[in-house]
């Protein structure tokens, strides 16, 4: 039997060229999701929350590093992806909303 595993760098992009860190917590979350993203260079980005069906349920734009608390209390329970997109990159982290 094979145990759980983590897929890293599934996009084929080297995150270390763009990011110093990309963290989301707590995970699972019920109300407030903390996002912390610091870029190697000052970059503009867009953050999207994508639901399990691939629909965009939230979008915000940022200039530079991101330190934000997102209110996810109105989202139904399920698996979501937080995408951080810029001109040359698109990185994602999975999070779970619980009720």
C-alpha atoms as a PDB file:
ATOM      1  CA  UNK A   1       0.000   0.000   0.000  1.00  0.00           C
ATOM      2  CA  UNK A   2       1.282   3.449  -0.932  1.00  0.00           C
ATOM      3  CA  UNK A   3       0.871   6.231   1.602  1.00  0.00           C
ATOM      4  CA  UNK A   4      -0.103   9.859   0.974  1.00  0.00           C
ATOM      5  CA  UNK A   5       2.148  11.971  -1.213  1.00  0.00           C
ATOM      6  CA  UNK A   6       2.575  15.610  -2.187  1.00  0.00           C
ATOM      7  CA  UNK A   7       2.973  16.876  -5.744  1.00  0.00           C
ATOM      8  CA  UNK A   8       5.290  19.880  -5.862  1.00  0.00           C
ATOM      9  CA  UNK A   9       6.005  22.093  -8.837  1.00  0.00           C
ATOM     10  CA  UNK A  10       3.311  20.445 -10.958  1.00  0.00           C
ATOM     11  CA  UNK A  11       3.257  23.421 -13.320  1.00  0.00           C
ATOM     12  CA  UNK A  12       6.850  22.844 -14.378  1.00  0.00           C
ATOM     13  CA  UNK A  13       7.740  26.392 -13.300  1.00  0.00           C
ATOM     14  CA  UNK A  14      10.561  26.945 -10.872  1.00  0.00           C
ATOM     15  CA  UNK A  15       8.870  28.829  -8.028  1.00  0.00           C
ATOM     16  CA  UNK A  16      12.246  29.840  -6.588  1.00  0.00           C
ATOM     17  CA  UNK A  17      12.742  32.214  -9.556  1.00  0.00           C
ATOM     18  CA  UNK A  18       9.748  34.261  -8.407  1.00  0.00           C
ATOM     19  CA  UNK A  19       8.842  33.504  -4.797  1.00  0.00           C
ATOM     20  CA  UNK A  20      10.575  33.683  -1.446  1.00  0.00           C
ATOM     21  CA  UNK A  21       7.489  32.185   0.210  1.00  0.00           C
ATOM     22  CA  UNK A  22       3.866  31.275  -0.502  1.00  0.00           C
ATOM     23  CA  UNK A  23       1.867  30.255   2.552  1.00  0.00           C
ATOM     24  CA  UNK A  24      -1.810  29.904   3.349  1.00  0.00           C
ATOM     25  CA  UNK A  25      -3.142  29.024   6.798  1.00  0.00           C
ATOM     26  CA  UNK A  26      -5.054  27.632   8.579  1.00  0.00           C
ATOM     27  CA  UNK A  27      -5.806  24.727   6.330  1.00  0.00           C
ATOM     28  CA  UNK A  28      -8.505  23.478   6.672  1.00  0.00           C
ATOM     29  CA  UNK A  29     -10.241  26.811   7.257  1.00  0.00           C
ATOM     30  CA  UNK A  30     -13.767  27.812   8.240  1.00  0.00           C
ATOM     31  CA  UNK A  31     -13.790  31.630   8.266  1.00  0.00           C
ATOM     32  CA  UNK A  32     -10.557  33.566   7.679  1.00  0.00           C
ATOM     33  CA  UNK A  33      -7.713  32.406   5.432  1.00  0.00           C
ATOM     34  CA  UNK A  34      -4.339  34.103   5.908  1.00  0.00           C
ATOM     35  CA  UNK A  35      -2.257  34.499   2.759  1.00  0.00           C
ATOM     36  CA  UNK A  36       1.426  35.378   2.797  1.00  0.00           C
ATOM     37  CA  UNK A  37       3.308  35.699  -0.488  1.00  0.00           C
ATOM     38  CA  UNK A  38       6.673  37.389  -0.850  1.00  0.00           C
ATOM     39  CA  UNK A  39       8.273  37.803  -4.229  1.00  0.00           C
ATOM     40  CA  UNK A  40      11.986  37.906  -5.033  1.00  0.00           C
ATOM     41  CA  UNK A  41      11.363  41.076  -7.050  1.00  0.00           C
ATOM     42  CA  UNK A  42       8.509  43.550  -6.645  1.00  0.00           C
ATOM     43  CA  UNK A  43       5.795  42.068  -8.877  1.00  0.00           C
ATOM     44  CA  UNK A  44       2.155  42.743  -9.597  1.00  0.00           C
ATOM     45  CA  UNK A  45      -0.121  39.754  -9.204  1.00  0.00           C
ATOM     46  CA  UNK A  46      -3.692  38.606  -9.136  1.00  0.00           C
ATOM     47  CA  UNK A  47      -5.051  36.186  -6.552  1.00  0.00           C
ATOM     48  CA  UNK A  48      -7.956  33.968  -7.519  1.00  0.00           C
ATOM     49  CA  UNK A  49      -9.930  31.498  -5.432  1.00  0.00           C
ATOM     50  CA  UNK A  50     -11.085  28.636  -7.664  1.00  0.00           C
ATOM     51  CA  UNK A  51     -13.658  26.075  -6.514  1.00  0.00           C
ATOM     52  CA  UNK A  52     -13.567  22.333  -7.212  1.00  0.00           C
ATOM     53  CA  UNK A  53     -15.560  22.814 -10.423  1.00  0.00           C
ATOM     54  CA  UNK A  54     -12.988  25.266 -11.794  1.00  0.00           C
ATOM     55  CA  UNK A  55     -15.108  28.388 -11.296  1.00  0.00           C
ATOM     56  CA  UNK A  56     -13.487  31.597 -10.089  1.00  0.00           C
ATOM     57  CA  UNK A  57     -15.261  32.600  -6.863  1.00  0.00           C
ATOM     58  CA  UNK A  58     -13.005  35.492  -5.779  1.00  0.00           C
ATOM     59  CA  UNK A  59     -10.353  37.722  -7.403  1.00  0.00           C
ATOM     60  CA  UNK A  60      -8.094  40.420  -5.945  1.00  0.00           C
ATOM     61  CA  UNK A  61      -5.163  42.352  -7.454  1.00  0.00           C
ATOM     62  CA  UNK A  62      -1.954  43.264  -5.642  1.00  0.00           C
ATOM     63  CA  UNK A  63       1.203  45.272  -6.253  1.00  0.00           C
ATOM     64  CA  UNK A  64       4.163  43.689  -4.490  1.00  0.00           C
ATOM     65  CA  UNK A  65       4.121  41.264  -1.594  1.00  0.00           C
ATOM     66  CA  UNK A  66       0.822  39.935  -0.282  1.00  0.00           C
ATOM     67  CA  UNK A  67      -0.193  39.771   3.355  1.00  0.00           C
ATOM     68  CA  UNK A  68      -3.947  39.393   3.459  1.00  0.00           C
ATOM     69  CA  UNK A  69      -6.737  37.799   5.438  1.00  0.00           C
ATOM     70  CA  UNK A  70      -9.501  36.561   3.127  1.00  0.00           C
ATOM     71  CA  UNK A  71     -13.005  36.012   4.452  1.00  0.00           C
ATOM     72  CA  UNK A  72     -14.073  32.588   3.138  1.00  0.00           C
ATOM     73  CA  UNK A  73     -16.979  32.214   5.575  1.00  0.00           C
ATOM     74  CA  UNK A  74     -19.547  32.428   2.764  1.00  0.00           C
ATOM     75  CA  UNK A  75     -17.966  29.702   0.652  1.00  0.00           C
ATOM     76  CA  UNK A  76     -19.561  26.253   0.820  1.00  0.00           C
ATOM     77  CA  UNK A  77     -17.523  23.430   2.321  1.00  0.00           C
ATOM     78  CA  UNK A  78     -15.164  21.881  -0.212  1.00  0.00           C
ATOM     79  CA  UNK A  79     -11.753  21.915  -1.861  1.00  0.00           C
ATOM     80  CA  UNK A  80     -10.481  25.179  -3.353  1.00  0.00           C
ATOM     81  CA  UNK A  81      -7.328  26.442  -5.021  1.00  0.00           C
ATOM     82  CA  UNK A  82      -5.661  29.765  -4.359  1.00  0.00           C
ATOM     83  CA  UNK A  83      -3.932  30.846  -7.583  1.00  0.00           C
ATOM     84  CA  UNK A  84      -1.350  33.610  -7.635  1.00  0.00           C
ATOM     85  CA  UNK A  85      -0.872  34.795 -11.209  1.00  0.00           C
ATOM     86  CA  UNK A  86       1.553  37.267 -12.717  1.00  0.00           C
ATOM     87  CA  UNK A  87       2.917  38.025 -16.168  1.00  0.00           C
ATOM     88  CA  UNK A  88       5.317  35.054 -16.171  1.00  0.00           C
ATOM     89  CA  UNK A  89       3.978  32.765 -13.473  1.00  0.00           C
ATOM     90  CA  UNK A  90       0.905  31.010 -12.122  1.00  0.00           C
ATOM     91  CA  UNK A  91       1.244  29.187  -8.787  1.00  0.00           C
ATOM     92  CA  UNK A  92      -1.453  27.484  -6.759  1.00  0.00           C
ATOM     93  CA  UNK A  93      -2.039  26.057  -3.304  1.00  0.00           C
ATOM     94  CA  UNK A  94      -4.962  23.859  -2.286  1.00  0.00           C
ATOM     95  CA  UNK A  95      -7.076  24.594   0.754  1.00  0.00           C
ATOM     96  CA  UNK A  96     -10.160  23.054   2.297  1.00  0.00           C
ATOM     97  CA  UNK A  97     -13.184  24.933   3.636  1.00  0.00           C
ATOM     98  CA  UNK A  98     -14.977  23.132   6.470  1.00  0.00           C
ATOM     99  CA  UNK A  99     -18.357  23.869   8.020  1.00  0.00           C
END
